[in-house]
Amino acid sequence: MKLHISVARQLMQLVDDQGALLREYRVSTALAGVGEVSGSYRTPRGLHVVRAKIGNGLPENTVFVRRRPTGELWTPELSEQFPGRDWILTRILWLSGCQPGHNRLGCVDTMRRYIYIHGSPDTAEMGVPGSHGCIRMRNADIVELFDLVPCYTPVEITED
């Protein structure tokens, strides 16, 4: 299996080893566009792998901070209390770059940038850029994807 994320189309596709489409999801990549440099708030391009899976078995809308559940569940009321918070919800697929000098090691290291595929509030718009660099998904979609892909699943992020 492999994941392909198209930034231009704001679309993620899960394909099998023969290239057959298994699932397709609307996503939201970085509002600032694409780029690999730490602190850029951009979505990194190139070849990655799912390095870690976080949140197995937790309820939808579980709130994470620094990859740890806070004990909160996202609600519109909680969102109103913390209007500027970047909500990371439900599940996390933590990405690691595979291309030294492009998205791995030094100031371009995807994993050290804490780039994830993760769940988002139902109010977050999909199909348009809006994240701080991560790939946002609907909660139901990330739960489904989390259960389908093992660690070290290849992930390719392209501009097309």
C-alpha atoms as a PDB file:
ATOM      1  CA  MET A   1       0.000   0.000   0.000  1.00  0.00           C
ATOM      2  CA  LYS A   2       0.982   3.608  -0.558  1.00  0.00           C
ATOM      3  CA  LEU A   3      -0.514   7.017   0.156  1.00  0.00           C
ATOM      4  CA  HIS A   4      -0.357   9.811  -2.403  1.00  0.00           C
ATOM      5  CA  ILE A   5      -1.225  13.356  -1.360  1.00  0.00           C
ATOM      6  CA  SER A   6      -1.830  15.954  -4.071  1.00  0.00           C
ATOM      7  CA  VAL A   7      -1.471  19.482  -2.724  1.00  0.00           C
ATOM      8  CA  ALA A   8      -3.035  21.020  -5.846  1.00  0.00           C
ATOM      9  CA  ARG A   9      -6.119  18.816  -5.575  1.00  0.00           C
ATOM     10  CA  GLN A  10      -6.174  18.677  -1.738  1.00  0.00           C
ATOM     11  CA  LEU A  11      -6.702  14.964  -2.143  1.00  0.00           C
ATOM     12  CA  MET A  12      -5.217  11.843  -0.555  1.00  0.00           C
ATOM     13  CA  GLN A  13      -5.374   8.485  -2.288  1.00  0.00           C
ATOM     14  CA  LEU A  14      -4.620   5.087  -0.776  1.00  0.00           C
ATOM     15  CA  VAL A  15      -3.522   2.647  -3.467  1.00  0.00           C
ATOM     16  CA  ASP A  16      -2.542  -1.014  -3.296  1.00  0.00           C
ATOM     17  CA  ASP A  17       0.764  -2.441  -4.524  1.00  0.00           C
ATOM     18  CA  GLN A  18      -0.620  -2.769  -8.060  1.00  0.00           C
ATOM     19  CA  GLY A  19      -1.747   0.881  -8.093  1.00  0.00           C
ATOM     20  CA  ALA A  20      -5.469   0.200  -7.686  1.00  0.00           C
ATOM     21  CA  LEU A  21      -7.341   2.908  -5.803  1.00  0.00           C
ATOM     22  CA  LEU A  22      -8.576   1.676  -2.416  1.00  0.00           C
ATOM     23  CA  ARG A  23      -9.716   4.943  -0.775  1.00  0.00           C
ATOM     24  CA  GLU A  24      -9.814   8.640  -1.538  1.00  0.00           C
ATOM     25  CA  TYR A  25     -10.065  11.460   0.996  1.00  0.00           C
ATOM     26  CA  ARG A  26     -10.425  15.232   0.861  1.00  0.00           C
ATOM     27  CA  VAL A  27      -7.653  16.811   2.956  1.00  0.00           C
ATOM     28  CA  SER A  28      -6.305  20.222   3.918  1.00  0.00           C
ATOM     29  CA  THR A  29      -2.589  20.967   3.542  1.00  0.00           C
ATOM     30  CA  ALA A  30      -0.664  24.077   4.605  1.00  0.00           C
ATOM     31  CA  LEU A  31      -2.162  27.514   4.143  1.00  0.00           C
ATOM     32  CA  ALA A  32       1.402  28.741   3.426  1.00  0.00           C
ATOM     33  CA  GLY A  33       1.870  26.239   0.569  1.00  0.00           C
ATOM     34  CA  VAL A  34       4.660  23.710   0.132  1.00  0.00           C
ATOM     35  CA  GLY A  35       8.177  23.768   1.523  1.00  0.00           C
ATOM     36  CA  GLU A  36      10.532  21.734   3.596  1.00  0.00           C
ATOM     37  CA  VAL A  37      12.347  24.204   5.874  1.00  0.00           C
ATOM     38  CA  SER A  38      11.715  24.068   9.607  1.00  0.00           C
ATOM     39  CA  GLY A  39       9.545  26.951  10.830  1.00  0.00           C
ATOM     40  CA  SER A  40       8.046  27.588   7.379  1.00  0.00           C
ATOM     41  CA  TYR A  41       4.563  26.252   8.275  1.00  0.00           C
ATOM     42  CA  ARG A  42       4.537  24.619   4.834  1.00  0.00           C
ATOM     43  CA  THR A  43       3.690  21.059   3.794  1.00  0.00           C
ATOM     44  CA  PRO A  44       6.841  19.105   2.875  1.00  0.00           C
ATOM     45  CA  ARG A  45       7.043  17.454  -0.532  1.00  0.00           C
ATOM     46  CA  GLY A  46       8.606  14.168  -1.553  1.00  0.00           C
ATOM     47  CA  LEU A  47       8.787  10.636  -0.240  1.00  0.00           C
ATOM     48  CA  HIS A  48       7.931   9.915   3.391  1.00  0.00           C
ATOM     49  CA  VAL A  49       6.872   6.981   5.551  1.00  0.00           C
ATOM     50  CA  VAL A  50       4.400   6.686   8.415  1.00  0.00           C
ATOM     51  CA  ARG A  51       6.940   6.494  11.239  1.00  0.00           C
ATOM     52  CA  ALA A  52       4.514   6.275  14.179  1.00  0.00           C
ATOM     53  CA  LYS A  53       0.799   5.793  14.788  1.00  0.00           C
ATOM     54  CA  ILE A  54      -0.670   7.530  17.830  1.00  0.00           C
ATOM     55  CA  GLY A  55      -4.152   7.345  19.351  1.00  0.00           C
ATOM     56  CA  ASN A  56      -5.276   3.783  18.707  1.00  0.00           C
ATOM     57  CA  GLY A  57      -8.602   3.097  20.387  1.00  0.00           C
ATOM     58  CA  LEU A  58      -9.197   6.638  21.662  1.00  0.00           C
ATOM     59  CA  PRO A  59     -12.574   8.282  21.026  1.00  0.00           C
ATOM     60  CA  GLU A  60     -13.155  10.571  18.064  1.00  0.00           C
ATOM     61  CA  ASN A  61     -12.350  14.207  18.883  1.00  0.00           C
ATOM     62  CA  THR A  62      -9.654  13.276  21.423  1.00  0.00           C
ATOM     63  CA  VAL A  63      -7.425  16.361  21.705  1.00  0.00           C
ATOM     64  CA  PHE A  64      -3.654  15.908  21.399  1.00  0.00           C
ATOM     65  CA  VAL A  65      -0.891  18.281  22.456  1.00  0.00           C
ATOM     66  CA  ARG A  66       2.681  17.192  21.744  1.00  0.00           C
ATOM     67  CA  ARG A  67       1.323  13.815  20.604  1.00  0.00           C
ATOM     68  CA  ARG A  68      -0.268  13.125  23.987  1.00  0.00           C
ATOM     69  CA  PRO A  69      -4.000  13.062  24.719  1.00  0.00           C
ATOM     70  CA  THR A  70      -4.948  15.974  26.974  1.00  0.00           C
ATOM     71  CA  GLY A  71      -8.034  14.259  28.413  1.00  0.00           C
ATOM     72  CA  GLU A  72     -10.250  16.697  26.475  1.00  0.00           C
ATOM     73  CA  LEU A  73     -12.687  15.941  23.693  1.00  0.00           C
ATOM     74  CA  TRP A  74     -13.119  18.693  21.101  1.00  0.00           C
ATOM     75  CA  THR A  75     -16.468  20.465  21.182  1.00  0.00           C
ATOM     76  CA  PRO A  76     -17.574  23.795  19.691  1.00  0.00           C
ATOM     77  CA  GLU A  77     -17.609  25.172  23.259  1.00  0.00           C
ATOM     78  CA  LEU A  78     -14.000  24.075  23.875  1.00  0.00           C
ATOM     79  CA  SER A  79     -13.043  25.634  20.559  1.00  0.00           C
ATOM     80  CA  GLU A  80     -14.583  28.948  21.650  1.00  0.00           C
ATOM     81  CA  GLN A  81     -12.459  28.849  24.834  1.00  0.00           C
ATOM     82  CA  PHE A  82      -9.244  28.447  22.789  1.00  0.00           C
ATOM     83  CA  PRO A  83      -9.828  30.309  19.512  1.00  0.00           C
ATOM     84  CA  GLY A  84      -6.208  30.270  18.283  1.00  0.00           C
ATOM     85  CA  ARG A  85      -5.446  26.630  19.027  1.00  0.00           C
ATOM     86  CA  ASP A  86      -4.254  24.340  16.215  1.00  0.00           C
ATOM     87  CA  TRP A  87      -6.492  21.339  16.856  1.00  0.00           C
ATOM     88  CA  ILE A  88      -4.896  17.918  16.429  1.00  0.00           C
ATOM     89  CA  LEU A  89      -7.626  15.358  17.008  1.00  0.00           C
ATOM     90  CA  THR A  90      -8.536  11.663  17.079  1.00  0.00           C
ATOM     91  CA  ARG A  91      -5.454   9.975  15.519  1.00  0.00           C
ATOM     92  CA  ILE A  92      -1.933  10.943  14.420  1.00  0.00           C
ATOM     93  CA  LEU A  93       0.160   9.399  11.652  1.00  0.00           C
ATOM     94  CA  TRP A  94       3.611  10.938  12.226  1.00  0.00           C
ATOM     95  CA  LEU A  95       5.591  11.297   8.996  1.00  0.00           C
ATOM     96  CA  SER A  96       9.329  10.879   8.459  1.00  0.00           C
ATOM     97  CA  GLY A  97      11.085  12.054   5.306  1.00  0.00           C
ATOM     98  CA  CYS A  98      13.069   9.577   3.197  1.00  0.00           C
ATOM     99  CA  GLN A  99      15.210  11.980   1.153  1.00  0.00           C
ATOM    100  CA  PRO A 100      18.324  13.302   2.972  1.00  0.00           C
ATOM    101  CA  GLY A 101      18.812  17.002   2.304  1.00  0.00           C
ATOM    102  CA  HIS A 102      15.290  17.373   0.914  1.00  0.00           C
ATOM    103  CA  ASN A 103      12.924  16.257   3.708  1.00  0.00           C
ATOM    104  CA  ARG A 104      15.236  14.367   6.073  1.00  0.00           C
ATOM    105  CA  LEU A 105      17.980  15.571   8.434  1.00  0.00           C
ATOM    106  CA  GLY A 106      19.143  19.118   9.114  1.00  0.00           C
ATOM    107  CA  CYS A 107      16.705  22.023   8.790  1.00  0.00           C
ATOM    108  CA  VAL A 108      14.392  20.086   6.443  1.00  0.00           C
ATOM    109  CA  ASP A 109      13.606  17.064   8.626  1.00  0.00           C
ATOM    110  CA  THR A 110       9.886  16.246   8.360  1.00  0.00           C
ATOM    111  CA  MET A 111       9.830  14.211  11.568  1.00  0.00           C
ATOM    112  CA  ARG A 112      11.610  16.891  13.614  1.00  0.00           C
ATOM    113  CA  ARG A 113       9.130  19.410  12.170  1.00  0.00           C
ATOM    114  CA  TYR A 114       6.326  17.274  13.681  1.00  0.00           C
ATOM    115  CA  ILE A 115       4.451  16.885  10.409  1.00  0.00           C
ATOM    116  CA  TYR A 116       1.425  14.618  10.819  1.00  0.00           C
ATOM    117  CA  ILE A 117      -1.631  13.338   9.068  1.00  0.00           C
ATOM    118  CA  HIS A 118      -4.273  13.978  11.735  1.00  0.00           C
ATOM    119  CA  GLY A 119      -7.922  14.512  12.505  1.00  0.00           C
ATOM    120  CA  SER A 120      -9.507  17.951  12.676  1.00  0.00           C
ATOM    121  CA  PRO A 121     -12.638  19.625  14.017  1.00  0.00           C
ATOM    122  CA  ASP A 122     -15.769  19.116  11.935  1.00  0.00           C
ATOM    123  CA  THR A 123     -15.685  22.875  11.347  1.00  0.00           C
ATOM    124  CA  ALA A 124     -12.297  22.678   9.551  1.00  0.00           C
ATOM    125  CA  GLU A 125     -12.788  22.997   5.817  1.00  0.00           C
ATOM    126  CA  MET A 126     -11.401  20.194   3.662  1.00  0.00           C
ATOM    127  CA  GLY A 127     -10.425  20.606   0.021  1.00  0.00           C
ATOM    128  CA  VAL A 128      -8.669  23.922   0.651  1.00  0.00           C
ATOM    129  CA  PRO A 129      -5.294  24.717   2.256  1.00  0.00           C
ATOM    130  CA  GLY A 130      -5.610  25.684   5.916  1.00  0.00           C
ATOM    131  CA  SER A 131      -3.112  23.832   8.116  1.00  0.00           C
ATOM    132  CA  HIS A 132       0.194  24.880   9.669  1.00  0.00           C
ATOM    133  CA  GLY A 133       2.070  22.264   7.605  1.00  0.00           C
ATOM    134  CA  CYS A 134       0.325  19.019   8.501  1.00  0.00           C
ATOM    135  CA  ILE A 135      -2.251  17.142   6.462  1.00  0.00           C
ATOM    136  CA  ARG A 136      -5.657  17.552   8.076  1.00  0.00           C
ATOM    137  CA  MET A 137      -8.448  15.013   7.638  1.00  0.00           C
ATOM    138  CA  ARG A 138     -12.010  14.482   8.820  1.00  0.00           C
ATOM    139  CA  ASN A 139     -12.088  12.457  12.054  1.00  0.00           C
ATOM    140  CA  ALA A 140     -14.027   9.533  10.564  1.00  0.00           C
ATOM    141  CA  ASP A 141     -11.551   9.429   7.667  1.00  0.00           C
ATOM    142  CA  ILE A 142      -8.430   9.386   9.876  1.00  0.00           C
ATOM    143  CA  VAL A 143      -9.934   6.591  11.998  1.00  0.00           C
ATOM    144  CA  GLU A 144     -10.524   4.525   8.846  1.00  0.00           C
ATOM    145  CA  LEU A 145      -7.074   5.290   7.404  1.00  0.00           C
ATOM    146  CA  PHE A 146      -5.324   4.643  10.732  1.00  0.00           C
ATOM    147  CA  ASP A 147      -6.749   1.127  10.801  1.00  0.00           C
ATOM    148  CA  LEU A 148      -5.787   0.452   7.163  1.00  0.00           C
ATOM    149  CA  VAL A 149      -2.131   1.532   7.048  1.00  0.00           C
ATOM    150  CA  PRO A 150       0.730   0.025   9.052  1.00  0.00           C
ATOM    151  CA  CYS A 151       3.842   1.865  10.173  1.00  0.00           C
ATOM    152  CA  TYR A 152       6.323   2.401   7.339  1.00  0.00           C
ATOM    153  CA  THR A 153       3.580   2.797   4.732  1.00  0.00           C
ATOM    154  CA  PRO A 154       5.087   4.991   1.975  1.00  0.00           C
ATOM    155  CA  VAL A 155       3.593   8.477   1.633  1.00  0.00           C
ATOM    156  CA  GLU A 156       4.309  10.669  -1.384  1.00  0.00           C
ATOM    157  CA  ILE A 157       3.395  14.357  -1.237  1.00  0.00           C
ATOM    158  CA  THR A 158       3.362  16.145  -4.583  1.00  0.00           C
ATOM    159  CA  GLU A 159       2.306  19.542  -5.863  1.00  0.00           C
ATOM    160  CA  ASP A 160       0.244  18.095  -8.757  1.00  0.00           C
END
